[in-house]
Amino acid sequence: MPKPRLLLACCCGPCATVAVERLSVDYDVTCLFWGNNLDSQAEFDRRLEGLYKLTDKVIVHPYEHENWQNQNCARCFRLRLENAFAYVQKLGFDYFATSLTTSPHKPAALINEIGASISDKYVPSDFKKKDGFKRSVELSKQLKMYRQNYCGCVKPLI
């Protein structure tokens, strides 16, 4: 019997590593790269390149930073997950999740609350748990991925 199809909203390759590793046990995982929050096309391209080092099952949402106006973190999480759910509906995925919870700097409870409010097809996670963040660092180094030191938004750089 085939595994259910899951769309994983990905912020970057390093965070996706442990998410894909764990979710692939139960799901057929496809990654969605959405980076409208990123401060430049160059940053978008570097992160996307890292994701392709992990998997070739990637859907790329075009970079549209000009539409990104003064968003805060919670709004960013919501926009990412709403966008992912739109792809779930359009392409017929069974479930969706996000790699955002791999980061020790992202509040998994808030992200999961937002995801659950969007759809019951959302699969909650906290990938940083059980040494998930440590594992993501190991895997991303093995794969020689670009490891950024910020979320990508302009705000943390100010």
C-alpha atoms as a PDB file:
ATOM      1  CA  MET A   1       0.000   0.000   0.000  1.00  0.00           C
ATOM      2  CA  PRO A   2       1.446   3.413  -0.934  1.00  0.00           C
ATOM      3  CA  LYS A   3       2.302   5.897   1.769  1.00  0.00           C
ATOM      4  CA  PRO A   4       0.150   9.020   2.099  1.00  0.00           C
ATOM      5  CA  ARG A   5       1.563  12.019   0.239  1.00  0.00           C
ATOM      6  CA  LEU A   6       2.821  14.858   2.438  1.00  0.00           C
ATOM      7  CA  LEU A   7       3.897  18.314   1.319  1.00  0.00           C
ATOM      8  CA  LEU A   8       6.659  19.668   3.555  1.00  0.00           C
ATOM      9  CA  ALA A   9       6.904  23.466   3.604  1.00  0.00           C
ATOM     10  CA  CYS A  10      10.657  24.094   3.729  1.00  0.00           C
ATOM     11  CA  CYS A  11      12.563  27.192   4.751  1.00  0.00           C
ATOM     12  CA  CYS A  12      15.997  25.773   3.853  1.00  0.00           C
ATOM     13  CA  GLY A  13      17.903  22.554   3.269  1.00  0.00           C
ATOM     14  CA  PRO A  14      19.397  22.221   6.763  1.00  0.00           C
ATOM     15  CA  CYS A  15      16.024  22.423   8.537  1.00  0.00           C
ATOM     16  CA  ALA A  16      14.472  20.052   5.998  1.00  0.00           C
ATOM     17  CA  THR A  17      17.062  17.307   6.587  1.00  0.00           C
ATOM     18  CA  VAL A  18      15.715  15.937   9.844  1.00  0.00           C
ATOM     19  CA  ALA A  19      12.107  16.659   8.869  1.00  0.00           C
ATOM     20  CA  VAL A  20      12.421  14.604   5.676  1.00  0.00           C
ATOM     21  CA  GLU A  21      14.319  11.862   7.512  1.00  0.00           C
ATOM     22  CA  ARG A  22      11.618  11.511  10.163  1.00  0.00           C
ATOM     23  CA  LEU A  23       8.539  12.038   8.005  1.00  0.00           C
ATOM     24  CA  SER A  24       9.710   9.657   5.257  1.00  0.00           C
ATOM     25  CA  VAL A  25       9.109   6.736   7.606  1.00  0.00           C
ATOM     26  CA  ASP A  26       5.341   7.221   7.287  1.00  0.00           C
ATOM     27  CA  TYR A  27       4.846   9.536   4.303  1.00  0.00           C
ATOM     28  CA  ASP A  28       5.852  10.052   0.697  1.00  0.00           C
ATOM     29  CA  VAL A  29       7.423  13.492   1.217  1.00  0.00           C
ATOM     30  CA  THR A  30       7.660  16.275  -1.355  1.00  0.00           C
ATOM     31  CA  CYS A  31       9.263  19.570  -0.349  1.00  0.00           C
ATOM     32  CA  LEU A  32       7.770  22.985  -1.076  1.00  0.00           C
ATOM     33  CA  PHE A  33      10.308  25.795  -1.098  1.00  0.00           C
ATOM     34  CA  TRP A  34       8.731  29.163  -0.408  1.00  0.00           C
ATOM     35  CA  GLY A  35      11.071  32.050   0.399  1.00  0.00           C
ATOM     36  CA  ASN A  36       9.229  35.321  -0.084  1.00  0.00           C
ATOM     37  CA  ASN A  37      10.518  36.464   3.301  1.00  0.00           C
ATOM     38  CA  LEU A  38      14.142  36.136   2.187  1.00  0.00           C
ATOM     39  CA  ASP A  39      16.042  39.382   1.855  1.00  0.00           C
ATOM     40  CA  SER A  40      17.499  38.704  -1.614  1.00  0.00           C
ATOM     41  CA  GLN A  41      17.302  36.494  -4.673  1.00  0.00           C
ATOM     42  CA  ALA A  42      20.857  35.328  -3.879  1.00  0.00           C
ATOM     43  CA  GLU A  43      19.761  34.091  -0.426  1.00  0.00           C
ATOM     44  CA  PHE A  44      16.744  32.387  -2.024  1.00  0.00           C
ATOM     45  CA  ASP A  45      18.997  30.630  -4.542  1.00  0.00           C
ATOM     46  CA  ARG A  46      21.546  29.492  -1.928  1.00  0.00           C
ATOM     47  CA  ARG A  47      18.853  27.968   0.277  1.00  0.00           C
ATOM     48  CA  LEU A  48      17.133  26.290  -2.656  1.00  0.00           C
ATOM     49  CA  GLU A  49      20.454  24.804  -3.790  1.00  0.00           C
ATOM     50  CA  GLY A  50      20.842  23.289  -0.320  1.00  0.00           C
ATOM     51  CA  LEU A  51      17.391  21.740  -0.490  1.00  0.00           C
ATOM     52  CA  TYR A  52      18.240  20.107  -3.828  1.00  0.00           C
ATOM     53  CA  LYS A  53      21.258  18.468  -2.138  1.00  0.00           C
ATOM     54  CA  LEU A  54      18.735  16.639   0.044  1.00  0.00           C
ATOM     55  CA  THR A  55      16.071  15.689  -2.488  1.00  0.00           C
ATOM     56  CA  ASP A  56      14.938  16.241  -6.048  1.00  0.00           C
ATOM     57  CA  LYS A  57      11.281  16.117  -4.959  1.00  0.00           C
ATOM     58  CA  VAL A  58      10.949  19.893  -4.692  1.00  0.00           C
ATOM     59  CA  ILE A  59       8.224  22.295  -5.739  1.00  0.00           C
ATOM     60  CA  VAL A  60       9.521  25.866  -5.980  1.00  0.00           C
ATOM     61  CA  HIS A  61       7.216  28.799  -5.365  1.00  0.00           C
ATOM     62  CA  PRO A  62       8.606  31.807  -7.287  1.00  0.00           C
ATOM     63  CA  TYR A  63      10.475  34.451  -5.308  1.00  0.00           C
ATOM     64  CA  GLU A  64       8.155  37.439  -4.803  1.00  0.00           C
ATOM     65  CA  HIS A  65       9.863  39.566  -2.174  1.00  0.00           C
ATOM     66  CA  GLU A  66       8.281  42.797  -3.396  1.00  0.00           C
ATOM     67  CA  ASN A  67       4.979  41.489  -2.012  1.00  0.00           C
ATOM     68  CA  TRP A  68       6.544  41.055   1.412  1.00  0.00           C
ATOM     69  CA  GLN A  69       5.544  44.092   3.455  1.00  0.00           C
ATOM     70  CA  ASN A  70       6.557  44.474   7.108  1.00  0.00           C
ATOM     71  CA  GLN A  71       5.521  41.006   8.224  1.00  0.00           C
ATOM     72  CA  ASN A  72       6.213  39.733  11.732  1.00  0.00           C
ATOM     73  CA  CYS A  73       7.216  36.164  12.584  1.00  0.00           C
ATOM     74  CA  ALA A  74       3.711  34.900  13.401  1.00  0.00           C
ATOM     75  CA  ARG A  75       2.366  36.370  10.161  1.00  0.00           C
ATOM     76  CA  CYS A  76       5.273  34.806   8.260  1.00  0.00           C
ATOM     77  CA  PHE A  77       4.463  31.378   9.732  1.00  0.00           C
ATOM     78  CA  ARG A  78       0.804  31.803   8.775  1.00  0.00           C
ATOM     79  CA  LEU A  79       1.598  32.917   5.209  1.00  0.00           C
ATOM     80  CA  ARG A  80       3.978  29.984   4.724  1.00  0.00           C
ATOM     81  CA  LEU A  81       1.446  27.459   5.987  1.00  0.00           C
ATOM     82  CA  GLU A  82      -1.478  28.992   4.078  1.00  0.00           C
ATOM     83  CA  ASN A  83       0.630  28.878   0.926  1.00  0.00           C
ATOM     84  CA  ALA A  84       1.531  25.241   1.584  1.00  0.00           C
ATOM     85  CA  PHE A  85      -2.118  24.350   2.136  1.00  0.00           C
ATOM     86  CA  ALA A  86      -3.041  26.007  -1.171  1.00  0.00           C
ATOM     87  CA  TYR A  87      -0.555  23.671  -2.877  1.00  0.00           C
ATOM     88  CA  VAL A  88      -1.989  20.703  -0.939  1.00  0.00           C
ATOM     89  CA  GLN A  89      -5.439  21.509  -2.296  1.00  0.00           C
ATOM     90  CA  LYS A  90      -4.238  22.240  -5.819  1.00  0.00           C
ATOM     91  CA  LEU A  91      -2.015  19.160  -6.160  1.00  0.00           C
ATOM     92  CA  GLY A  92      -3.988  16.662  -4.086  1.00  0.00           C
ATOM     93  CA  PHE A  93      -1.583  15.966  -1.238  1.00  0.00           C
ATOM     94  CA  ASP A  94      -2.998  14.094   1.741  1.00  0.00           C
ATOM     95  CA  TYR A  95      -1.164  16.094   4.421  1.00  0.00           C
ATOM     96  CA  PHE A  96       1.242  18.961   4.981  1.00  0.00           C
ATOM     97  CA  ALA A  97       3.845  19.920   7.573  1.00  0.00           C
ATOM     98  CA  THR A  98       6.706  22.383   7.960  1.00  0.00           C
ATOM     99  CA  SER A  99      10.433  22.168   8.589  1.00  0.00           C
ATOM    100  CA  LEU A 100      10.316  25.422  10.592  1.00  0.00           C
ATOM    101  CA  THR A 101      10.120  23.501  13.873  1.00  0.00           C
ATOM    102  CA  THR A 102      13.672  22.191  13.393  1.00  0.00           C
ATOM    103  CA  SER A 103      15.107  25.543  14.445  1.00  0.00           C
ATOM    104  CA  PRO A 104      15.685  26.145  18.160  1.00  0.00           C
ATOM    105  CA  HIS A 105      14.710  29.774  17.455  1.00  0.00           C
ATOM    106  CA  LYS A 106      11.192  28.972  16.209  1.00  0.00           C
ATOM    107  CA  PRO A 107       8.236  28.364  18.579  1.00  0.00           C
ATOM    108  CA  ALA A 108       6.845  24.954  17.618  1.00  0.00           C
ATOM    109  CA  ALA A 109       3.692  25.424  19.721  1.00  0.00           C
ATOM    110  CA  LEU A 110       2.752  28.608  17.834  1.00  0.00           C
ATOM    111  CA  ILE A 111       3.613  27.116  14.437  1.00  0.00           C
ATOM    112  CA  ASN A 112       1.555  23.989  15.179  1.00  0.00           C
ATOM    113  CA  GLU A 113      -1.367  26.059  16.451  1.00  0.00           C
ATOM    114  CA  ILE A 114      -1.364  28.052  13.214  1.00  0.00           C
ATOM    115  CA  GLY A 115      -1.090  24.916  11.076  1.00  0.00           C
ATOM    116  CA  ALA A 116      -3.962  23.213  12.884  1.00  0.00           C
ATOM    117  CA  SER A 117      -6.121  26.336  12.482  1.00  0.00           C
ATOM    118  CA  ILE A 118      -5.632  26.169   8.713  1.00  0.00           C
ATOM    119  CA  SER A 119      -6.555  22.518   8.193  1.00  0.00           C
ATOM    120  CA  ASP A 120      -6.863  19.151   9.870  1.00  0.00           C
ATOM    121  CA  LYS A 121      -4.471  17.922   7.163  1.00  0.00           C
ATOM    122  CA  TYR A 122      -1.643  19.643   9.040  1.00  0.00           C
ATOM    123  CA  VAL A 123       0.804  17.249  10.722  1.00  0.00           C
ATOM    124  CA  PRO A 124       2.187  18.884  13.885  1.00  0.00           C
ATOM    125  CA  SER A 125       5.856  18.511  14.722  1.00  0.00           C
ATOM    126  CA  ASP A 126       8.729  19.686  16.836  1.00  0.00           C
ATOM    127  CA  PHE A 127      11.694  18.419  14.852  1.00  0.00           C
ATOM    128  CA  LYS A 128      14.240  20.025  17.189  1.00  0.00           C
ATOM    129  CA  LYS A 129      13.233  17.520  19.908  1.00  0.00           C
ATOM    130  CA  LYS A 130      15.088  14.231  20.383  1.00  0.00           C
ATOM    131  CA  ASP A 131      18.315  15.920  19.204  1.00  0.00           C
ATOM    132  CA  GLY A 132      16.641  16.874  15.928  1.00  0.00           C
ATOM    133  CA  PHE A 133      18.475  20.164  15.573  1.00  0.00           C
ATOM    134  CA  LYS A 134      21.791  18.433  16.293  1.00  0.00           C
ATOM    135  CA  ARG A 135      20.941  15.787  13.687  1.00  0.00           C
ATOM    136  CA  SER A 136      20.070  18.505  11.142  1.00  0.00           C
ATOM    137  CA  VAL A 137      23.498  20.082  11.665  1.00  0.00           C
ATOM    138  CA  GLU A 138      25.207  16.706  11.149  1.00  0.00           C
ATOM    139  CA  LEU A 139      23.233  15.901   7.997  1.00  0.00           C
ATOM    140  CA  SER A 140      23.624  19.351   6.465  1.00  0.00           C
ATOM    141  CA  LYS A 141      27.386  19.222   7.012  1.00  0.00           C
ATOM    142  CA  GLN A 142      27.549  15.753   5.436  1.00  0.00           C
ATOM    143  CA  LEU A 143      25.647  17.073   2.424  1.00  0.00           C
ATOM    144  CA  LYS A 144      27.799  20.241   2.301  1.00  0.00           C
ATOM    145  CA  MET A 145      24.772  22.516   2.499  1.00  0.00           C
ATOM    146  CA  TYR A 146      24.902  26.255   2.964  1.00  0.00           C
ATOM    147  CA  ARG A 147      24.114  26.874   6.650  1.00  0.00           C
ATOM    148  CA  GLN A 148      22.714  30.350   7.176  1.00  0.00           C
ATOM    149  CA  ASN A 149      22.806  32.054  10.570  1.00  0.00           C
ATOM    150  CA  TYR A 150      19.499  33.955  10.340  1.00  0.00           C
ATOM    151  CA  CYS A 151      15.930  33.309   9.227  1.00  0.00           C
ATOM    152  CA  GLY A 152      16.410  35.275   6.014  1.00  0.00           C
ATOM    153  CA  CYS A 153      14.248  38.289   6.779  1.00  0.00           C
ATOM    154  CA  VAL A 154      15.583  41.810   6.646  1.00  0.00           C
ATOM    155  CA  LYS A 155      14.376  42.544  10.209  1.00  0.00           C
ATOM    156  CA  PRO A 156      16.984  40.405  12.048  1.00  0.00           C
ATOM    157  CA  LEU A 157      19.720  42.138  10.050  1.00  0.00           C
ATOM    158  CA  ILE A 158      18.695  45.626  11.209  1.00  0.00           C
END
